[in-house]
Amino acid sequence: MKQMMVRLLASGALLLAAVGASAQLSSPMDGVPMGVGAGVHGANSPFPQLQERADVLPWSVLTNVKTRVEKNRMLPIFTPSIQALNQKSQRIQGFMMPLDPGEKQKHFLLSSVPLTCPFCVPGGPESMVEVKTKTPVKYVLDAVVVEGQFAVLHDDPYGLYYRMSDAVAVK
């Protein structure tokens, strides 16, 4: 069930990325201002925006990804600065998207923006990190910080770009 949920969320994120990529080439999106839409924290959100912290990897680095189409699939093209993060310990701040019911979570997605609709993906795969923790983390609506072994995924079967393993919650 959990893998099906990850696949569903990642598929939705890839669809958003594909729509976004094609929309950039079409004229109907020409009038849409930058900084709105999926993956961007809305001004009317009931949740506070992430406060920048010097001790965490900024989402502006992770979302700086281009894509290419290969055999009807969208694959990421990572910058050298993103590739340098691979297999190193990182801290990331974001909003939890639980993959299991319950108050404590060991496997969840961390998003750059809060989940405001239970049926909507808040952004593309560049704005999410799959997190697997050593010990359960209490689900909260506020932003959390996790630290763990960070992986940059070049061809993930679920369409994800990033994964963190052996993570722990950090204050």
N, C-alpha and C. Protein backbone atom coordinates (compact mmCIF):
# COMPACT_ATOMS: atom_id res chain seq x y z
N MET A 1 0.82 -1.18 0.00
CA MET A 1 0.00 0.00 0.00
C MET A 1 0.87 1.26 0.00
N LYS A 2 1.93 1.22 0.84
CA LYS A 2 2.81 2.38 0.96
C LYS A 2 3.51 2.66 -0.37
N GLN A 3 4.01 1.62 -1.03
CA GLN A 3 4.69 1.82 -2.31
C GLN A 3 3.72 2.32 -3.37
N MET A 4 2.47 1.88 -3.30
CA MET A 4 1.48 2.35 -4.25
C MET A 4 1.21 3.85 -4.03
N MET A 5 1.19 4.29 -2.76
CA MET A 5 0.99 5.70 -2.44
C MET A 5 2.16 6.54 -2.94
N VAL A 6 3.40 6.05 -2.73
CA VAL A 6 4.58 6.76 -3.23
C VAL A 6 4.51 6.87 -4.74
N ARG A 7 4.15 5.77 -5.40
CA ARG A 7 4.05 5.76 -6.86
C ARG A 7 2.98 6.73 -7.35
N LEU A 8 1.84 6.76 -6.66
CA LEU A 8 0.75 7.65 -7.03
C LEU A 8 1.16 9.11 -6.89
N LEU A 9 1.76 9.45 -5.74
CA LEU A 9 2.21 10.83 -5.53
C LEU A 9 3.30 11.22 -6.52
N ALA A 10 4.24 10.31 -6.76
CA ALA A 10 5.31 10.60 -7.71
C ALA A 10 4.75 10.74 -9.12
N SER A 11 3.78 9.92 -9.49
CA SER A 11 3.17 10.01 -10.81
C SER A 11 2.48 11.35 -10.99
N GLY A 12 1.78 11.78 -9.94
CA GLY A 12 1.14 13.10 -9.98
C GLY A 12 2.17 14.20 -10.12
N ALA A 13 3.28 14.06 -9.42
CA ALA A 13 4.34 15.07 -9.51
C ALA A 13 4.95 15.08 -10.91
N LEU A 14 5.16 13.89 -11.49
CA LEU A 14 5.70 13.84 -12.84
C LEU A 14 4.73 14.42 -13.85
N LEU A 15 3.44 14.18 -13.64
CA LEU A 15 2.44 14.75 -14.52
C LEU A 15 2.48 16.27 -14.44
N LEU A 16 2.59 16.79 -13.22
CA LEU A 16 2.72 18.24 -13.06
C LEU A 16 3.96 18.76 -13.76
N ALA A 17 5.07 18.02 -13.63
CA ALA A 17 6.31 18.45 -14.28
C ALA A 17 6.15 18.41 -15.80
N ALA A 18 5.49 17.37 -16.31
CA ALA A 18 5.29 17.26 -17.75
C ALA A 18 4.38 18.36 -18.26
N VAL A 19 3.30 18.64 -17.53
CA VAL A 19 2.39 19.70 -17.91
C VAL A 19 3.12 21.03 -17.87
N GLY A 20 3.91 21.22 -16.81
CA GLY A 20 4.67 22.45 -16.70
C GLY A 20 5.67 22.61 -17.83
N ALA A 21 6.34 21.51 -18.21
CA ALA A 21 7.32 21.58 -19.29
C ALA A 21 6.65 21.91 -20.61
N SER A 22 5.49 21.27 -20.87
CA SER A 22 4.82 21.56 -22.14
C SER A 22 4.16 22.93 -22.10
N ALA A 23 3.71 23.32 -20.89
CA ALA A 23 3.06 24.63 -20.77
C ALA A 23 4.04 25.76 -21.03
N GLN A 24 5.31 25.54 -20.72
CA GLN A 24 6.30 26.58 -20.96
C GLN A 24 6.46 26.83 -22.45
N LEU A 25 6.14 25.84 -23.26
CA LEU A 25 6.29 25.97 -24.69
C LEU A 25 5.03 26.49 -25.36
N SER A 26 3.90 26.47 -24.66
CA SER A 26 2.65 26.89 -25.27
C SER A 26 2.29 28.30 -24.84
N SER A 27 1.49 28.95 -25.63
CA SER A 27 1.14 30.33 -25.35
C SER A 27 0.15 30.53 -24.21
N PRO A 28 -0.77 29.57 -23.85
CA PRO A 28 -1.70 29.85 -22.77
C PRO A 28 -1.04 30.15 -21.44
N MET A 29 0.17 29.70 -21.21
CA MET A 29 0.83 29.93 -19.93
C MET A 29 1.66 31.21 -19.94
N ASP A 30 1.73 31.91 -21.06
CA ASP A 30 2.56 33.10 -21.14
C ASP A 30 2.15 34.17 -20.15
N GLY A 31 0.87 34.25 -19.81
CA GLY A 31 0.40 35.28 -18.92
C GLY A 31 0.45 34.91 -17.44
N VAL A 32 0.85 33.67 -17.11
CA VAL A 32 0.89 33.24 -15.72
C VAL A 32 2.17 33.74 -15.08
N PRO A 33 2.04 34.51 -14.00
CA PRO A 33 3.25 35.04 -13.35
C PRO A 33 4.07 33.95 -12.69
N MET A 34 5.38 34.15 -12.66
CA MET A 34 6.27 33.22 -11.98
C MET A 34 5.95 33.25 -10.49
N GLY A 35 6.19 32.11 -9.83
CA GLY A 35 5.98 32.07 -8.39
C GLY A 35 4.57 31.72 -7.98
N VAL A 36 3.76 31.21 -8.91
CA VAL A 36 2.43 30.74 -8.56
C VAL A 36 2.27 29.33 -9.08
N GLY A 37 1.35 28.58 -8.49
CA GLY A 37 1.10 27.22 -8.95
C GLY A 37 1.73 26.20 -8.03
N ALA A 38 1.72 24.95 -8.45
CA ALA A 38 2.24 23.85 -7.64
C ALA A 38 3.71 24.07 -7.34
N GLY A 39 4.10 23.75 -6.12
CA GLY A 39 5.49 23.86 -5.71
C GLY A 39 5.88 25.23 -5.20
N VAL A 40 4.94 26.17 -5.18
CA VAL A 40 5.21 27.52 -4.67
C VAL A 40 4.26 27.79 -3.52
N HIS A 41 4.79 28.32 -2.42
CA HIS A 41 3.98 28.61 -1.23
C HIS A 41 3.08 29.80 -1.53
N GLY A 42 1.79 29.59 -1.50
CA GLY A 42 0.84 30.65 -1.80
C GLY A 42 0.72 31.67 -0.68
N ALA A 43 0.46 32.90 -1.05
CA ALA A 43 0.33 33.98 -0.08
C ALA A 43 -0.89 33.78 0.82
N ASN A 44 -1.91 33.07 0.34
CA ASN A 44 -3.12 32.85 1.13
C ASN A 44 -3.09 31.55 1.93
N SER A 45 -1.95 30.89 1.96
CA SER A 45 -1.83 29.63 2.69
C SER A 45 -2.01 29.85 4.18
N PRO A 46 -2.76 28.97 4.86
CA PRO A 46 -2.91 29.10 6.31
C PRO A 46 -1.64 28.69 7.06
N PHE A 47 -0.69 28.09 6.37
CA PHE A 47 0.55 27.64 6.99
C PHE A 47 1.65 28.66 6.77
N PRO A 48 2.48 28.89 7.77
CA PRO A 48 3.57 29.85 7.58
C PRO A 48 4.60 29.31 6.58
N GLN A 49 5.22 30.22 5.85
CA GLN A 49 6.25 29.85 4.89
C GLN A 49 7.48 29.37 5.64
N LEU A 50 8.27 28.51 5.02
CA LEU A 50 9.50 28.04 5.64
C LEU A 50 10.42 29.21 5.94
N GLN A 51 10.95 29.23 7.14
CA GLN A 51 11.94 30.23 7.50
C GLN A 51 13.31 29.72 7.07
N GLU A 52 14.04 30.55 6.36
CA GLU A 52 15.37 30.13 5.91
C GLU A 52 16.27 29.84 7.10
N ARG A 53 17.00 28.74 7.01
CA ARG A 53 17.93 28.34 8.05
C ARG A 53 19.28 28.05 7.40
N ALA A 54 20.33 28.52 8.01
CA ALA A 54 21.68 28.31 7.47
C ALA A 54 22.12 26.85 7.60
N ASP A 55 21.49 26.09 8.51
CA ASP A 55 21.93 24.72 8.75
C ASP A 55 21.17 23.68 7.91
N VAL A 56 20.33 24.10 6.97
CA VAL A 56 19.60 23.15 6.12
C VAL A 56 19.86 23.44 4.65
N LEU A 57 19.74 22.41 3.85
CA LEU A 57 19.88 22.53 2.41
C LEU A 57 18.67 23.29 1.87
N PRO A 58 18.87 24.41 1.18
CA PRO A 58 17.72 25.18 0.70
C PRO A 58 17.02 24.50 -0.48
N TRP A 59 15.71 24.64 -0.51
CA TRP A 59 14.93 24.07 -1.62
C TRP A 59 15.30 24.72 -2.95
N SER A 60 15.79 25.94 -2.92
CA SER A 60 16.18 26.60 -4.18
C SER A 60 17.28 25.82 -4.89
N VAL A 61 18.10 25.10 -4.14
CA VAL A 61 19.13 24.25 -4.76
C VAL A 61 18.47 23.01 -5.37
N LEU A 62 17.60 22.35 -4.60
CA LEU A 62 16.98 21.10 -5.06
C LEU A 62 16.02 21.30 -6.23
N THR A 63 15.36 22.44 -6.28
CA THR A 63 14.38 22.66 -7.35
C THR A 63 15.03 23.18 -8.63
N ASN A 64 16.32 23.39 -8.62
CA ASN A 64 17.05 23.86 -9.80
C ASN A 64 17.41 22.67 -10.70
N VAL A 65 16.39 22.02 -11.24
CA VAL A 65 16.55 20.81 -12.05
C VAL A 65 15.87 21.01 -13.39
N LYS A 66 16.53 20.59 -14.42
CA LYS A 66 15.93 20.56 -15.76
C LYS A 66 15.54 19.11 -16.04
N THR A 67 14.73 18.90 -17.07
CA THR A 67 14.34 17.54 -17.44
C THR A 67 14.57 17.31 -18.92
N ARG A 68 14.65 16.03 -19.26
CA ARG A 68 14.74 15.64 -20.67
C ARG A 68 13.79 14.45 -20.87
N VAL A 69 13.26 14.35 -22.07
CA VAL A 69 12.36 13.24 -22.39
C VAL A 69 13.19 12.15 -23.06
N GLU A 70 13.05 10.94 -22.53
CA GLU A 70 13.77 9.80 -23.08
C GLU A 70 12.83 8.60 -23.06
N LYS A 71 12.50 8.09 -24.23
CA LYS A 71 11.59 6.93 -24.34
C LYS A 71 10.29 7.15 -23.57
N ASN A 72 9.62 8.28 -23.83
CA ASN A 72 8.35 8.63 -23.21
C ASN A 72 8.43 8.78 -21.69
N ARG A 73 9.61 9.05 -21.18
CA ARG A 73 9.79 9.29 -19.74
C ARG A 73 10.51 10.60 -19.55
N MET A 74 10.19 11.28 -18.48
CA MET A 74 10.91 12.51 -18.14
C MET A 74 11.98 12.17 -17.12
N LEU A 75 13.22 12.46 -17.46
CA LEU A 75 14.34 12.19 -16.57
C LEU A 75 15.00 13.50 -16.16
N PRO A 76 15.49 13.56 -14.92
CA PRO A 76 16.10 14.79 -14.43
C PRO A 76 17.50 15.00 -14.97
N ILE A 77 17.85 16.27 -15.12
CA ILE A 77 19.22 16.68 -15.44
C ILE A 77 19.66 17.53 -14.26
N PHE A 78 20.53 16.98 -13.41
CA PHE A 78 20.96 17.65 -12.19
C PHE A 78 22.17 18.53 -12.43
N THR A 79 22.22 19.64 -11.74
CA THR A 79 23.38 20.52 -11.79
C THR A 79 24.53 19.85 -11.03
N PRO A 80 25.76 20.25 -11.29
CA PRO A 80 26.89 19.70 -10.53
C PRO A 80 26.75 19.92 -9.02
N SER A 81 26.17 21.05 -8.61
CA SER A 81 26.01 21.30 -7.17
C SER A 81 25.03 20.31 -6.53
N ILE A 82 24.01 19.89 -7.28
CA ILE A 82 23.08 18.88 -6.75
C ILE A 82 23.76 17.52 -6.73
N GLN A 83 24.47 17.17 -7.79
CA GLN A 83 25.16 15.87 -7.84
C GLN A 83 26.18 15.73 -6.72
N ALA A 84 26.78 16.84 -6.30
CA ALA A 84 27.76 16.82 -5.22
C ALA A 84 27.13 16.45 -3.87
N LEU A 85 25.82 16.55 -3.75
CA LEU A 85 25.12 16.22 -2.50
C LEU A 85 24.92 14.72 -2.33
N ASN A 86 25.05 13.96 -3.40
CA ASN A 86 24.75 12.53 -3.41
C ASN A 86 25.59 11.76 -2.40
N GLN A 87 24.93 10.90 -1.64
CA GLN A 87 25.55 10.01 -0.65
C GLN A 87 26.28 10.76 0.46
N LYS A 88 25.79 11.95 0.80
CA LYS A 88 26.34 12.73 1.90
C LYS A 88 25.22 13.04 2.89
N SER A 89 25.60 13.27 4.12
CA SER A 89 24.63 13.63 5.14
C SER A 89 24.14 15.05 4.88
N GLN A 90 22.82 15.23 4.89
CA GLN A 90 22.21 16.53 4.64
C GLN A 90 21.09 16.76 5.65
N ARG A 91 20.77 18.03 5.84
CA ARG A 91 19.59 18.43 6.61
C ARG A 91 18.62 19.12 5.67
N ILE A 92 17.35 18.73 5.78
CA ILE A 92 16.32 19.33 4.93
C ILE A 92 15.12 19.69 5.80
N GLN A 93 14.56 20.85 5.50
CA GLN A 93 13.38 21.34 6.21
C GLN A 93 12.20 21.29 5.25
N GLY A 94 11.06 20.83 5.73
CA GLY A 94 9.88 20.80 4.87
C GLY A 94 8.65 20.32 5.62
N PHE A 95 7.62 20.08 4.85
CA PHE A 95 6.32 19.67 5.38
C PHE A 95 6.10 18.19 5.10
N MET A 96 5.65 17.46 6.12
CA MET A 96 5.45 16.02 6.01
C MET A 96 4.20 15.68 5.20
N MET A 97 4.36 14.69 4.34
CA MET A 97 3.24 14.09 3.62
C MET A 97 3.25 12.60 4.00
N PRO A 98 2.44 12.21 5.00
CA PRO A 98 2.46 10.83 5.49
C PRO A 98 2.09 9.83 4.40
N LEU A 99 2.70 8.67 4.46
CA LEU A 99 2.38 7.58 3.53
C LEU A 99 1.61 6.47 4.24
N ASP A 100 1.54 6.55 5.56
CA ASP A 100 0.79 5.58 6.37
C ASP A 100 -0.11 6.33 7.32
N PRO A 101 -1.21 5.71 7.75
CA PRO A 101 -2.02 6.35 8.79
C PRO A 101 -1.27 6.31 10.12
N GLY A 102 -1.62 7.20 11.00
CA GLY A 102 -1.03 7.17 12.33
C GLY A 102 -0.26 8.42 12.67
N GLU A 103 -0.03 8.56 13.98
CA GLU A 103 0.65 9.75 14.50
C GLU A 103 2.15 9.71 14.26
N LYS A 104 2.74 8.53 14.24
CA LYS A 104 4.19 8.39 14.06
C LYS A 104 4.48 7.86 12.67
N GLN A 105 5.48 8.45 12.03
CA GLN A 105 5.81 8.11 10.64
C GLN A 105 7.29 7.72 10.52
N LYS A 106 7.55 6.62 9.81
CA LYS A 106 8.93 6.21 9.51
C LYS A 106 9.24 6.36 8.03
N HIS A 107 8.21 6.53 7.21
CA HIS A 107 8.38 6.65 5.76
C HIS A 107 7.38 7.69 5.27
N PHE A 108 7.89 8.80 4.76
CA PHE A 108 7.01 9.88 4.33
C PHE A 108 7.71 10.69 3.26
N LEU A 109 6.95 11.57 2.64
CA LEU A 109 7.52 12.52 1.70
C LEU A 109 7.64 13.85 2.43
N LEU A 110 8.73 14.54 2.16
CA LEU A 110 8.94 15.88 2.70
C LEU A 110 8.81 16.83 1.53
N SER A 111 7.97 17.85 1.68
CA SER A 111 7.68 18.76 0.58
C SER A 111 8.13 20.18 0.93
N SER A 112 8.45 20.93 -0.11
CA SER A 112 8.87 22.32 0.09
C SER A 112 7.70 23.22 0.45
N VAL A 113 6.49 22.78 0.17
CA VAL A 113 5.29 23.55 0.50
C VAL A 113 4.31 22.63 1.22
N PRO A 114 3.43 23.19 2.06
CA PRO A 114 2.49 22.33 2.80
C PRO A 114 1.44 21.71 1.88
N LEU A 115 0.98 20.56 2.28
CA LEU A 115 -0.09 19.87 1.57
C LEU A 115 -1.39 20.54 1.99
N THR A 116 -2.06 21.19 1.07
CA THR A 116 -3.30 21.90 1.40
C THR A 116 -4.54 21.17 0.93
N CYS A 117 -4.36 20.10 0.18
CA CYS A 117 -5.48 19.31 -0.32
C CYS A 117 -5.06 17.85 -0.27
N PRO A 118 -5.88 16.97 0.32
CA PRO A 118 -5.47 15.57 0.43
C PRO A 118 -5.40 14.85 -0.91
N PHE A 119 -5.92 15.45 -1.97
CA PHE A 119 -5.92 14.81 -3.27
C PHE A 119 -4.98 15.49 -4.27
N CYS A 120 -4.28 16.52 -3.81
CA CYS A 120 -3.42 17.30 -4.71
C CYS A 120 -1.95 17.12 -4.35
N VAL A 121 -1.13 17.05 -5.35
CA VAL A 121 0.31 17.00 -5.14
C VAL A 121 0.80 18.44 -5.09
N PRO A 122 1.54 18.83 -4.04
CA PRO A 122 1.90 20.23 -3.89
C PRO A 122 2.97 20.73 -4.85
N GLY A 123 3.63 19.87 -5.57
CA GLY A 123 4.66 20.30 -6.51
C GLY A 123 5.19 19.11 -7.29
N GLY A 124 6.20 19.36 -8.08
CA GLY A 124 6.81 18.30 -8.87
C GLY A 124 7.81 17.50 -8.05
N PRO A 125 8.45 16.51 -8.68
CA PRO A 125 9.39 15.66 -7.95
C PRO A 125 10.61 16.43 -7.45
N GLU A 126 10.89 17.58 -8.02
CA GLU A 126 12.02 18.38 -7.55
C GLU A 126 11.73 19.07 -6.22
N SER A 127 10.46 19.10 -5.83
CA SER A 127 10.09 19.77 -4.58
C SER A 127 9.67 18.78 -3.49
N MET A 128 10.12 17.50 -3.64
CA MET A 128 9.82 16.48 -2.64
C MET A 128 11.04 15.60 -2.41
N VAL A 129 11.15 15.10 -1.18
CA VAL A 129 12.20 14.15 -0.82
C VAL A 129 11.52 12.98 -0.12
N GLU A 130 11.78 11.77 -0.57
CA GLU A 130 11.29 10.59 0.14
C GLU A 130 12.19 10.39 1.35
N VAL A 131 11.58 10.22 2.52
CA VAL A 131 12.34 10.10 3.76
C VAL A 131 12.02 8.77 4.43
N LYS A 132 13.08 8.06 4.82
CA LYS A 132 12.96 6.84 5.62
C LYS A 132 13.78 7.08 6.88
N THR A 133 13.11 7.02 8.05
CA THR A 133 13.77 7.38 9.29
C THR A 133 14.21 6.16 10.10
N LYS A 134 15.18 6.38 11.00
CA LYS A 134 15.62 5.33 11.92
C LYS A 134 14.55 5.05 12.96
N THR A 135 13.98 6.12 13.49
CA THR A 135 12.93 6.02 14.50
C THR A 135 11.73 6.85 14.04
N PRO A 136 10.53 6.49 14.47
CA PRO A 136 9.34 7.23 14.03
C PRO A 136 9.39 8.71 14.39
N VAL A 137 8.83 9.52 13.50
CA VAL A 137 8.74 10.97 13.70
C VAL A 137 7.26 11.31 13.84
N LYS A 138 6.94 12.11 14.84
CA LYS A 138 5.55 12.50 15.05
C LYS A 138 5.09 13.40 13.90
N TYR A 139 3.93 13.07 13.33
CA TYR A 139 3.36 13.88 12.26
C TYR A 139 2.85 15.19 12.82
N VAL A 140 3.27 16.28 12.19
CA VAL A 140 2.81 17.62 12.56
C VAL A 140 2.52 18.39 11.28
N LEU A 141 1.68 19.41 11.40
CA LEU A 141 1.37 20.25 10.25
C LEU A 141 2.45 21.29 9.99
N ASP A 142 3.21 21.63 11.03
CA ASP A 142 4.29 22.60 10.89
C ASP A 142 5.48 21.97 10.18
N ALA A 143 6.41 22.78 9.78
CA ALA A 143 7.63 22.30 9.12
C ALA A 143 8.48 21.49 10.11
N VAL A 144 9.16 20.49 9.58
CA VAL A 144 10.09 19.68 10.36
C VAL A 144 11.45 19.72 9.66
N VAL A 145 12.48 19.38 10.42
CA VAL A 145 13.83 19.26 9.86
C VAL A 145 14.28 17.83 10.11
N VAL A 146 14.79 17.19 9.06
CA VAL A 146 15.34 15.85 9.19
C VAL A 146 16.76 15.84 8.65
N GLU A 147 17.58 14.96 9.20
CA GLU A 147 18.96 14.81 8.76
C GLU A 147 19.22 13.34 8.48
N GLY A 148 19.87 13.06 7.35
CA GLY A 148 20.16 11.69 7.00
C GLY A 148 21.01 11.60 5.76
N GLN A 149 21.19 10.37 5.30
CA GLN A 149 21.99 10.09 4.10
C GLN A 149 21.16 10.45 2.87
N PHE A 150 21.62 11.42 2.10
CA PHE A 150 20.88 11.97 0.97
C PHE A 150 21.30 11.27 -0.32
N ALA A 151 20.34 10.92 -1.15
CA ALA A 151 20.62 10.29 -2.44
C ALA A 151 19.96 11.08 -3.56
N VAL A 152 20.71 11.31 -4.61
CA VAL A 152 20.20 11.94 -5.83
C VAL A 152 19.86 10.80 -6.78
N LEU A 153 18.61 10.73 -7.21
CA LEU A 153 18.10 9.60 -8.00
C LEU A 153 18.00 9.98 -9.47
N HIS A 154 18.75 9.31 -10.31
CA HIS A 154 18.77 9.65 -11.73
C HIS A 154 17.67 8.97 -12.53
N ASP A 155 17.22 7.79 -12.09
CA ASP A 155 16.22 7.04 -12.85
C ASP A 155 15.39 6.19 -11.89
N ASP A 156 14.73 6.84 -10.95
CA ASP A 156 13.95 6.13 -9.95
C ASP A 156 12.67 5.58 -10.57
N PRO A 157 12.31 4.32 -10.29
CA PRO A 157 11.10 3.75 -10.88
C PRO A 157 9.82 4.47 -10.45
N TYR A 158 9.85 5.16 -9.30
CA TYR A 158 8.68 5.91 -8.84
C TYR A 158 8.67 7.34 -9.36
N GLY A 159 9.71 7.76 -10.04
CA GLY A 159 9.77 9.11 -10.58
C GLY A 159 10.28 10.14 -9.59
N LEU A 160 10.80 9.69 -8.45
CA LEU A 160 11.32 10.62 -7.45
C LEU A 160 12.74 11.06 -7.83
N TYR A 161 13.13 12.23 -7.37
CA TYR A 161 14.47 12.75 -7.66
C TYR A 161 15.40 12.61 -6.46
N TYR A 162 14.82 12.57 -5.23
CA TYR A 162 15.65 12.58 -4.04
C TYR A 162 15.10 11.61 -2.99
N ARG A 163 16.04 11.02 -2.24
CA ARG A 163 15.66 10.12 -1.14
C ARG A 163 16.64 10.33 0.01
N MET A 164 16.10 10.29 1.23
CA MET A 164 16.93 10.38 2.43
C MET A 164 16.68 9.12 3.25
N SER A 165 17.75 8.47 3.66
CA SER A 165 17.61 7.25 4.46
C SER A 165 18.32 7.44 5.80
N ASP A 166 18.00 6.58 6.73
CA ASP A 166 18.55 6.63 8.10
C ASP A 166 18.40 8.03 8.69
N ALA A 167 17.27 8.68 8.41
CA ALA A 167 17.05 10.04 8.86
C ALA A 167 16.60 10.10 10.31
N VAL A 168 16.90 11.24 10.94
CA VAL A 168 16.44 11.52 12.30
C VAL A 168 15.87 12.94 12.31
N ALA A 169 14.91 13.15 13.19
CA ALA A 169 14.34 14.49 13.34
C ALA A 169 15.35 15.38 14.07
N VAL A 170 15.43 16.64 13.66
CA VAL A 170 16.35 17.60 14.23
C VAL A 170 15.55 18.82 14.65
N LYS A 171 15.93 19.46 15.73
CA LYS A 171 15.24 20.69 16.18
C LYS A 171 15.66 21.87 15.36
